[in-house]
C-alpha atoms as a PDB file:
ATOM      1  CA  MET A   1       0.021  -0.615  -0.092  1.00  0.00           C
ATOM      2  CA  ALA A   2       1.817   3.262  -1.033  1.00  0.00           C
ATOM      3  CA  ASN A   3       2.373   6.223   1.671  1.00  0.00           C
ATOM      4  CA  LYS A   4       0.074   9.270   1.577  1.00  0.00           C
ATOM      5  CA  PRO A   5       1.720  12.383   0.542  1.00  0.00           C
ATOM      6  CA  ASN A   6       3.538  14.636   3.105  1.00  0.00           C
ATOM      7  CA  LEU A   7       1.030  17.712   2.403  1.00  0.00           C
ATOM      8  CA  ALA A   8       4.002  20.107   4.025  1.00  0.00           C
ATOM      9  CA  ALA A   9       6.807  18.366   1.738  1.00  0.00           C
ATOM     10  CA  ALA A  10       4.170  19.497  -1.343  1.00  0.00           C
ATOM     11  CA  LEU A  11       3.346  22.276  -0.413  1.00  0.00           C
ATOM     12  CA  HIS A  12       7.295  23.373   0.298  1.00  0.00           C
ATOM     13  CA  LYS A  13       7.795  21.815  -2.686  1.00  0.00           C
ATOM     14  CA  ALA A  14       5.456  24.171  -4.731  1.00  0.00           C
ATOM     15  CA  SER A  15       6.595  27.293  -3.280  1.00  0.00           C
ATOM     16  CA  GLY A  16       9.991  26.828  -5.190  1.00  0.00           C
ATOM     17  CA  LYS A  17      11.881  27.077  -2.085  1.00  0.00           C
ATOM     18  CA  PRO A  18      15.097  25.023  -2.732  1.00  0.00           C
ATOM     19  CA  ASP A  19      15.310  22.062  -0.513  1.00  0.00           C
ATOM     20  CA  PHE A  20      17.851  22.267   2.235  1.00  0.00           C
ATOM     21  CA  SER A  21      16.695  20.011   5.217  1.00  0.00           C
ATOM     22  CA  GLU A  22      13.332  18.091   3.626  1.00  0.00           C
ATOM     23  CA  PRO A  23      12.559  15.471   6.293  1.00  0.00           C
ATOM     24  CA  LYS A  24      12.896  11.624   5.152  1.00  0.00           C
ATOM     25  CA  GLN A  25      10.196   9.125   4.884  1.00  0.00           C
ATOM     26  CA  GLU A  26      11.466   7.619   8.245  1.00  0.00           C
ATOM     27  CA  GLU A  27      11.186  10.605  10.041  1.00  0.00           C
ATOM     28  CA  LEU A  28       7.687  11.593   8.622  1.00  0.00           C
ATOM     29  CA  GLN A  29       5.864   8.379   9.940  1.00  0.00           C
ATOM     30  CA  GLN A  30       8.203   8.511  13.129  1.00  0.00           C
ATOM     31  CA  SER A  31       6.962  12.062  13.851  1.00  0.00           C
ATOM     32  CA  SER A  32       3.062  11.008  12.759  1.00  0.00           C
ATOM     33  CA  THR A  33       2.714   7.806  15.287  1.00  0.00           C
ATOM     34  CA  LEU A  34       3.815  10.306  18.499  1.00  0.00           C
ATOM     35  CA  LYS A  35       1.212  12.296  20.845  1.00  0.00           C
ATOM     36  CA  PRO A  36       1.865  15.107  22.159  1.00  0.00           C
ATOM     37  CA  GLU A  37       2.793  15.471  25.866  1.00  0.00           C
ATOM     38  CA  LEU A  38      -0.684  16.364  27.018  1.00  0.00           C
ATOM     39  CA  PRO A  39      -0.878  18.646  30.387  1.00  0.00           C
ATOM     40  CA  PRO A  40      -1.217  17.193  33.670  1.00  0.00           C
ATOM     41  CA  SER A  41      -4.599  18.495  33.982  1.00  0.00           C
ATOM     42  CA  ARG A  42      -6.247  16.773  30.984  1.00  0.00           C
ATOM     43  CA  GLN A  43      -4.293  13.491  31.815  1.00  0.00           C
ATOM     44  CA  GLY A  44      -6.697  10.797  32.109  1.00  0.00           C
ATOM     45  CA  LYS A  45      -9.328  12.646  30.977  1.00  0.00           C
ATOM     46  CA  LYS A  46     -12.072  11.997  28.381  1.00  0.00           C
ATOM     47  CA  ALA A  47     -12.955  15.015  25.914  1.00  0.00           C
ATOM     48  CA  ILE A  48     -16.984  15.096  25.210  1.00  0.00           C
ATOM     49  CA  ALA A  49     -18.688  17.480  22.767  1.00  0.00           C
ATOM     50  CA  GLY A  50     -21.519  18.105  20.856  1.00  0.00           C
ATOM     51  CA  HIS A  51     -22.739  20.945  17.772  1.00  0.00           C
ATOM     52  CA  PHE A  52     -25.054  23.197  19.044  1.00  0.00           C
ATOM     53  CA  ASP A  53     -26.507  26.575  17.285  1.00  0.00           C
ATOM     54  CA  PRO A  54     -23.971  29.725  18.394  1.00  0.00           C
ATOM     55  CA  ALA A  55     -26.014  31.497  20.475  1.00  0.00           C
ATOM     56  CA  VAL A  56     -25.704  28.316  22.874  1.00  0.00           C
ATOM     57  CA  SER A  57     -21.770  28.828  23.187  1.00  0.00           C
ATOM     58  CA  LYS A  58     -22.299  32.526  23.362  1.00  0.00           C
ATOM     59  CA  GLN A  59     -24.823  31.944  26.368  1.00  0.00           C
ATOM     60  CA  LEU A  60     -22.906  29.339  28.070  1.00  0.00           C
ATOM     61  CA  LYS A  61     -19.455  31.899  27.777  1.00  0.00           C
ATOM     62  CA  GLN A  62     -21.605  35.039  29.347  1.00  0.00           C
ATOM     63  CA  LEU A  63     -22.838  32.423  32.281  1.00  0.00           C
ATOM     64  CA  ALA A  64     -19.173  31.601  33.431  1.00  0.00           C
ATOM     65  CA  LEU A  65     -18.132  35.378  33.084  1.00  0.00           C
ATOM     66  CA  SER A  66     -21.190  36.111  35.282  1.00  0.00           C
ATOM     67  CA  GLN A  67     -20.584  33.545  37.840  1.00  0.00           C
ATOM     68  CA  ASP A  68     -16.575  33.664  37.945  1.00  0.00           C
ATOM     69  CA  LYS A  69     -16.733  30.277  36.779  1.00  0.00           C
ATOM     70  CA  THR A  70     -15.232  28.343  34.141  1.00  0.00           C
ATOM     71  CA  VAL A  71     -17.406  27.080  31.062  1.00  0.00           C
ATOM     72  CA  GLN A  72     -15.353  23.301  31.983  1.00  0.00           C
ATOM     73  CA  THR A  73     -17.021  24.074  35.967  1.00  0.00           C
ATOM     74  CA  LEU A  74     -20.731  24.770  34.078  1.00  0.00           C
ATOM     75  CA  LEU A  75     -20.809  21.829  32.275  1.00  0.00           C
ATOM     76  CA  ALA A  76     -19.361  19.190  35.299  1.00  0.00           C
ATOM     77  CA  GLU A  77     -22.518  21.174  37.397  1.00  0.00           C
ATOM     78  CA  ALA A  78     -25.062  20.145  34.381  1.00  0.00           C
ATOM     79  CA  LEU A  79     -23.551  16.841  33.941  1.00  0.00           C
ATOM     80  CA  ASN A  80     -23.781  15.975  37.127  1.00  0.00           C
ATOM     81  CA  ASP A  81     -26.951  17.379  37.509  1.00  0.00           C
ATOM     82  CA  LEU A  82     -28.112  15.124  34.861  1.00  0.00           C
ATOM     83  CA  PHE A  83     -26.887  12.070  36.620  1.00  0.00           C
ATOM     84  CA  GLU A  84     -28.789  12.513  39.519  1.00  0.00           C
ATOM     85  CA  LYS A  85     -31.519  13.497  37.678  1.00  0.00           C
ATOM     86  CA  TYR A  86     -31.679   9.262  35.824  1.00  0.00           C
ATOM     87  CA  ASP A  87     -30.616   8.124  39.479  1.00  0.00           C
ATOM     88  CA  PHE A  88     -26.623   8.300  38.420  1.00  0.00           C
ATOM     89  CA  LYS A  89     -23.954   8.521  40.765  1.00  0.00           C
ATOM     90  CA  PRO A  90     -22.729  12.430  40.114  1.00  0.00           C
ATOM     91  CA  ILE A  91     -18.888  11.800  39.086  1.00  0.00           C
ATOM     92  CA  ALA A  92     -18.141  14.629  36.432  1.00  0.00           C
END
């Protein structure tokens, strides 16, 4: 199976600039398999996302600002309320 072309290399080649240090195929494969180091606050955590109307995002940010809390804190509060409503342990 052929390797996917490297977008960065293709753009560099198309720019017409001289190739001083074009990465080798082994370097490209190695760099694509390495995961970036997560900050300690995100280690062992899982992102949860959803798609909502932009007004929802704006209102959530306004609420966070007015309550002097983060959006993350408000979402954890909302999830815990939801869990309790359905008789689950609040763990967020």
